[in-house]
Amino acid sequence: MSRTGAIVRDMKITDEDCLAETLEFNRRYEPRELPLEVLRRNRLGGDTPPVRLPQAQDRVVHGVPVRVFTPDRVDGVYLHIHGGGWSFGSADGQDEKLWKLATETRLAVVSVEYRLAPEHPFPAGPDDCEAAARWAEAEFGTKRLLIGGESAGAHLSVLTLLRLPGVFRAANLVFGAYDLSEPATDRLKRTYEQFTPGMTAEQRRAPEISPVFADLTGLPPARIVVGAEDPLLEDSLALAERWQAPVELSVVAGAPHGFTLYPLTIAEREFRREREFLAGSGL
């Protein structure tokens, strides 16, 4: 059930056979609030910086840095927007995953290095994602453009869809924040206020900030994924409920926010399902 009380259409509970492993991880894992400089140094907040692969090419397009993964054959483009609470994370934070995605789906993957809060609050991040999307549309000579990301990246993906109607053919949205007016935890409240400093809760209800309140008519088919133990679960349920195009909603049994960052069976399964969805979308 979502916050509106309606049953979400086509909701699927996945990975219940992994529940014991997932719940054991939840029991042992203790989230830490690390200093921002540490989170930024380690890209997505892990213990060590990730591996940078030589297959990626760094470019600057319309003033926005991007990291491009181009397979031997290109049948489309996937614009990937990283997570990190709009304040950390980077385009080179998931090289291994994105290169595997590119080679298996035959998609050129463009990972966006958007400006981060608090130095660059709203609308800097959305502006950069829109600029990168406009470049990607013109660069690769294909109309098969897909978009997606995790957490803050999923939020920015939906804002980009709203800014560029008709450009993208599918969206892959993983544990995103879509209603910034009603944070479920104090930690989320601090994050939202950092991204939108000086704004009231009512101001953050604006559809250009909280896309769950936007007119979603004309947006492409979507895949929406969230963990059953994610504080942002209600955001995904509410967005799926209002999505006008076909939507696949997957709720991963027992999963916390950010579960794809950890060596879990549910993470490997999510990556496989993501690649399958993107490989078959927009054809």
Protein backbone atom coordinates (compact mmCIF):
# COMPACT_ATOMS: atom_id res chain seq x y z
CA MET A 1 0.00 0.00 0.00
CA SER A 2 1.21 3.48 -0.78
CA ARG A 3 0.72 6.67 1.20
CA THR A 4 -2.47 7.28 -0.78
CA GLY A 5 -3.91 3.98 0.40
CA ALA A 6 -4.40 2.47 -3.06
CA ILE A 7 -2.97 -0.87 -4.08
CA VAL A 8 -0.11 -0.36 -6.52
CA ARG A 9 -0.67 -2.04 -9.86
CA ASP A 10 1.66 -4.80 -11.01
CA MET A 11 3.73 -4.85 -7.80
CA LYS A 12 6.02 -7.87 -7.52
CA ILE A 13 7.82 -9.04 -4.38
CA THR A 14 11.15 -10.54 -5.44
CA ASP A 15 13.96 -12.58 -3.90
CA GLU A 16 12.05 -14.03 -0.97
CA ASP A 17 14.27 -17.11 -1.27
CA CYS A 18 17.23 -14.87 -0.28
CA LEU A 19 15.49 -13.38 2.73
CA ALA A 20 17.61 -15.17 5.34
CA GLU A 21 20.86 -13.84 3.81
CA THR A 22 19.42 -10.34 3.41
CA LEU A 23 18.07 -10.13 6.97
CA GLU A 24 21.38 -11.41 8.36
CA PHE A 25 23.14 -8.62 6.47
CA ASN A 26 20.67 -6.10 7.91
CA ARG A 27 21.34 -7.40 11.41
CA ARG A 28 25.12 -7.07 11.09
CA TYR A 29 25.30 -3.87 9.06
CA GLU A 30 25.55 -0.62 10.98
CA PRO A 31 25.16 2.49 8.80
CA ARG A 32 27.79 5.15 9.51
CA GLU A 33 27.51 8.85 8.90
CA LEU A 34 30.95 9.52 7.47
CA PRO A 35 32.33 13.01 6.84
CA LEU A 36 31.48 14.31 3.38
CA GLU A 37 35.14 14.46 2.36
CA VAL A 38 35.48 10.72 3.08
CA LEU A 39 32.34 9.88 1.14
CA ARG A 40 33.57 11.89 -1.82
CA ARG A 41 37.04 10.36 -1.74
CA ASN A 42 35.56 6.87 -1.87
CA ARG A 43 33.03 7.86 -4.57
CA LEU A 44 29.92 6.03 -3.29
CA GLY A 45 30.82 5.92 0.38
CA GLY A 46 32.56 2.55 0.53
CA ASP A 47 35.75 1.77 2.43
CA THR A 48 38.04 2.24 -0.58
CA PRO A 49 37.89 4.11 -3.88
CA PRO A 50 36.57 1.99 -6.77
CA VAL A 51 38.58 0.76 -9.74
CA ARG A 52 38.83 3.05 -12.79
CA LEU A 53 38.79 1.06 -16.02
CA PRO A 54 40.79 2.08 -19.11
CA GLN A 55 37.80 1.24 -21.35
CA ALA A 56 36.04 4.45 -20.25
CA GLN A 57 36.60 7.82 -21.91
CA ASP A 58 36.33 11.07 -19.96
CA ARG A 59 34.79 13.96 -21.86
CA VAL A 60 33.30 17.37 -21.13
CA VAL A 61 30.05 18.13 -22.95
CA HIS A 62 28.23 21.44 -22.68
CA GLY A 63 30.43 22.13 -19.65
CA VAL A 64 29.48 18.87 -17.91
CA PRO A 65 32.02 16.07 -17.36
CA VAL A 66 30.80 12.64 -18.46
CA ARG A 67 32.37 9.18 -18.53
CA VAL A 68 31.54 7.21 -21.67
CA PHE A 69 31.64 3.42 -22.03
CA THR A 70 31.38 2.44 -25.70
CA PRO A 71 31.14 -1.26 -26.69
CA ASP A 72 32.20 -2.56 -30.10
CA ARG A 73 28.61 -2.46 -31.30
CA VAL A 74 26.25 0.35 -30.23
CA ASP A 75 22.50 -0.23 -30.53
CA GLY A 76 21.45 2.61 -28.25
CA VAL A 77 22.50 4.85 -25.36
CA TYR A 78 21.95 4.57 -21.62
CA LEU A 79 22.32 7.81 -19.63
CA HIS A 80 23.34 6.73 -16.13
CA ILE A 81 23.03 9.11 -13.17
CA HIS A 82 24.79 8.07 -9.97
CA GLY A 83 23.45 8.29 -6.44
CA GLY A 84 24.95 9.78 -3.30
CA GLY A 85 22.35 12.07 -1.75
CA TRP A 86 23.11 14.77 -4.39
CA SER A 87 26.29 15.52 -2.39
CA PHE A 88 28.75 12.71 -3.20
CA GLY A 89 29.27 9.97 -5.75
CA SER A 90 30.93 10.32 -9.15
CA ALA A 91 30.78 9.24 -12.77
CA ASP A 92 33.71 6.86 -12.20
CA GLY A 93 32.24 5.22 -9.11
CA GLN A 94 30.86 2.13 -10.89
CA ASP A 95 33.18 1.50 -13.84
CA GLU A 96 33.12 -2.30 -13.61
CA LYS A 97 29.34 -2.49 -13.44
CA LEU A 98 28.79 0.04 -16.23
CA TRP A 99 31.33 -1.53 -18.59
CA LYS A 100 29.71 -4.94 -18.10
CA LEU A 101 26.32 -3.36 -18.76
CA ALA A 102 27.62 -1.69 -21.94
CA THR A 103 29.12 -4.87 -23.38
CA GLU A 104 26.17 -7.12 -22.53
CA THR A 105 23.43 -4.75 -23.70
CA ARG A 106 25.25 -3.15 -26.67
CA LEU A 107 24.48 0.26 -25.23
CA ALA A 108 26.87 3.17 -25.01
CA VAL A 109 26.72 4.17 -21.34
CA VAL A 110 27.13 7.84 -20.48
CA SER A 111 27.71 8.42 -16.77
CA VAL A 112 27.10 12.01 -15.67
CA GLU A 113 29.41 13.94 -13.32
CA TYR A 114 26.78 16.45 -12.21
CA ARG A 115 27.58 19.23 -9.75
CA LEU A 116 27.07 18.34 -6.09
CA ALA A 117 25.41 20.00 -3.13
CA PRO A 118 25.94 21.79 -0.84
CA GLU A 119 28.34 23.81 -3.01
CA HIS A 120 25.95 23.51 -5.96
CA PRO A 121 22.37 23.04 -4.72
CA PHE A 122 19.22 22.68 -6.82
CA PRO A 123 18.90 23.28 -9.76
CA ALA A 124 22.60 22.69 -10.62
CA GLY A 125 22.38 18.88 -10.65
CA PRO A 126 19.23 18.69 -12.78
CA ASP A 127 20.65 21.32 -15.16
CA ASP A 128 23.79 19.22 -15.71
CA CYS A 129 21.80 16.03 -16.30
CA GLU A 130 19.62 17.80 -18.85
CA ALA A 131 22.71 19.15 -20.65
CA ALA A 132 24.30 15.69 -20.79
CA ALA A 133 21.06 14.19 -22.08
CA ARG A 134 20.82 16.73 -24.89
CA TRP A 135 24.41 15.93 -25.90
CA ALA A 136 23.82 12.16 -25.80
CA GLU A 137 20.73 12.52 -27.98
CA ALA A 138 22.79 14.22 -30.70
CA GLU A 139 26.10 12.37 -30.31
CA PHE A 140 25.40 8.72 -31.10
CA GLY A 141 23.06 8.91 -34.08
CA THR A 142 20.31 6.87 -32.46
CA LYS A 143 16.83 7.58 -31.16
CA ARG A 144 17.06 4.66 -28.74
CA LEU A 145 17.88 6.57 -25.56
CA LEU A 146 17.35 5.06 -22.11
CA ILE A 147 17.92 6.65 -18.70
CA GLY A 148 18.30 5.54 -15.11
CA GLY A 149 20.14 5.66 -11.84
CA GLU A 150 20.10 4.85 -8.17
CA SER A 151 18.77 6.86 -5.21
CA ALA A 152 19.44 10.55 -5.96
CA GLY A 153 20.29 9.40 -9.49
CA ALA A 154 16.82 7.91 -9.92
CA HIS A 155 15.32 11.21 -8.74
CA LEU A 156 17.44 13.17 -11.23
CA SER A 157 16.49 10.70 -13.96
CA VAL A 158 12.79 11.47 -13.50
CA LEU A 159 13.46 15.21 -13.45
CA THR A 160 15.38 14.82 -16.72
CA LEU A 161 12.46 12.91 -18.26
CA LEU A 162 10.11 15.72 -17.26
CA ARG A 163 12.43 18.35 -18.75
CA LEU A 164 12.87 16.45 -22.03
CA PRO A 165 9.53 14.84 -22.89
CA GLY A 166 9.63 12.32 -25.71
CA VAL A 167 13.41 11.92 -25.76
CA PHE A 168 13.81 8.68 -23.77
CA ARG A 169 12.24 5.31 -24.48
CA ALA A 170 12.59 3.68 -21.04
CA ALA A 171 13.62 4.48 -17.47
CA ASN A 172 15.41 2.29 -14.91
CA LEU A 173 14.73 3.76 -11.46
CA VAL A 174 16.37 2.11 -8.43
CA PHE A 175 15.43 3.05 -4.84
CA GLY A 176 14.85 6.71 -5.69
CA ALA A 177 13.58 9.71 -3.70
CA TYR A 178 10.54 11.22 -5.41
CA ASP A 179 8.82 13.22 -2.63
CA LEU A 180 11.30 15.55 -0.96
CA SER A 181 8.60 17.29 1.07
CA GLU A 182 8.04 14.50 3.61
CA PRO A 183 11.35 12.89 4.64
CA ALA A 184 10.88 9.58 6.41
CA THR A 185 13.94 10.01 8.66
CA ASP A 186 16.01 12.82 10.17
CA ARG A 187 18.93 11.78 7.99
CA LEU A 188 16.83 12.18 4.84
CA LYS A 189 15.59 15.53 6.11
CA ARG A 190 19.17 16.80 6.43
CA THR A 191 19.99 15.50 2.95
CA TYR A 192 16.96 17.15 1.36
CA GLU A 193 17.69 20.44 3.08
CA GLN A 194 21.29 20.33 1.83
CA PHE A 195 20.07 19.83 -1.74
CA THR A 196 17.37 22.52 -1.45
CA PRO A 197 18.68 25.00 1.15
CA GLY A 198 16.25 27.54 2.51
CA MET A 199 13.17 25.82 1.07
CA THR A 200 10.14 24.91 3.14
CA ALA A 201 8.47 21.51 2.93
CA GLU A 202 5.72 23.07 0.83
CA GLN A 203 8.25 24.55 -1.59
CA ARG A 204 9.87 21.12 -1.95
CA ARG A 205 6.48 19.75 -3.08
CA ALA A 206 6.94 21.59 -6.37
CA PRO A 207 6.90 19.05 -9.23
CA GLU A 208 10.28 20.21 -10.52
CA ILE A 209 11.73 19.07 -7.16
CA SER A 210 9.37 16.26 -6.07
CA PRO A 211 8.38 14.51 -9.30
CA VAL A 212 5.70 12.38 -7.68
CA PHE A 213 3.55 15.53 -7.84
CA ALA A 214 4.28 16.19 -11.53
CA ASP A 215 2.13 15.44 -14.55
CA LEU A 216 3.63 12.11 -15.61
CA THR A 217 1.68 11.89 -18.86
CA GLY A 218 3.89 11.01 -21.80
CA LEU A 219 6.79 9.52 -19.85
CA PRO A 220 8.18 6.22 -21.17
CA PRO A 221 7.78 2.71 -19.71
CA ALA A 222 9.68 2.30 -16.47
CA ARG A 223 11.18 -0.24 -14.16
CA ILE A 224 10.98 0.85 -10.51
CA VAL A 225 12.97 -1.12 -7.91
CA VAL A 226 13.10 -0.65 -4.14
CA GLY A 227 13.87 -2.69 -1.04
CA ALA A 228 11.13 -3.68 1.38
CA GLU A 229 13.18 -2.19 4.27
CA ASP A 230 14.10 1.02 2.45
CA PRO A 231 12.91 4.25 4.11
CA LEU A 232 12.14 5.42 0.54
CA LEU A 233 9.78 2.50 -0.12
CA GLU A 234 6.71 4.77 -0.04
CA ASP A 235 8.27 7.07 -2.63
CA SER A 236 8.59 4.23 -5.13
CA LEU A 237 5.08 2.94 -4.44
CA ALA A 238 3.61 6.40 -4.90
CA LEU A 239 5.52 7.04 -8.13
CA ALA A 240 4.55 3.66 -9.59
CA GLU A 241 0.93 4.33 -8.71
CA ARG A 242 0.94 7.57 -10.71
CA TRP A 243 3.11 6.43 -13.65
CA GLN A 244 0.96 6.54 -16.78
CA ALA A 245 3.02 4.28 -19.07
CA PRO A 246 3.58 0.58 -18.38
CA VAL A 247 5.58 0.16 -15.18
CA GLU A 248 7.31 -2.83 -13.62
CA LEU A 249 7.51 -2.39 -9.85
CA SER A 250 9.80 -4.76 -7.96
CA VAL A 251 10.01 -4.73 -4.15
CA VAL A 252 13.04 -6.74 -3.03
CA ALA A 253 12.26 -8.77 0.08
CA GLY A 254 14.11 -7.52 3.16
CA ALA A 255 16.41 -5.20 1.19
CA PRO A 256 17.69 -1.93 2.71
CA HIS A 257 18.43 1.28 0.86
CA GLY A 258 21.51 1.00 -1.34
CA PHE A 259 21.52 -2.80 -1.32
CA THR A 260 23.22 -2.92 -4.74
CA LEU A 261 26.43 -1.58 -3.17
CA TYR A 262 26.99 -4.74 -1.12
CA PRO A 263 28.14 -8.31 -1.99
CA LEU A 264 24.67 -9.82 -1.71
CA THR A 265 22.79 -12.30 -3.85
CA ILE A 266 20.02 -9.74 -4.29
CA ALA A 267 22.53 -7.25 -5.70
CA GLU A 268 23.79 -9.72 -8.32
CA ARG A 269 20.22 -10.56 -9.27
CA GLU A 270 19.33 -6.89 -9.53
CA PHE A 271 22.25 -6.22 -11.89
CA ARG A 272 21.16 -9.14 -14.08
CA ARG A 273 17.53 -7.98 -14.20
CA GLU A 274 18.66 -4.43 -14.93
CA ARG A 275 20.75 -5.56 -17.89
CA GLU A 276 17.88 -7.69 -19.21
CA PHE A 277 15.47 -4.76 -18.97
CA LEU A 278 17.79 -2.32 -20.70
CA ALA A 279 18.78 -4.78 -23.42
CA GLY A 280 15.12 -5.25 -24.36
CA SER A 281 13.86 -1.68 -23.95
CA GLY A 282 13.14 0.87 -26.64
CA LEU A 283 13.58 -1.51 -29.57
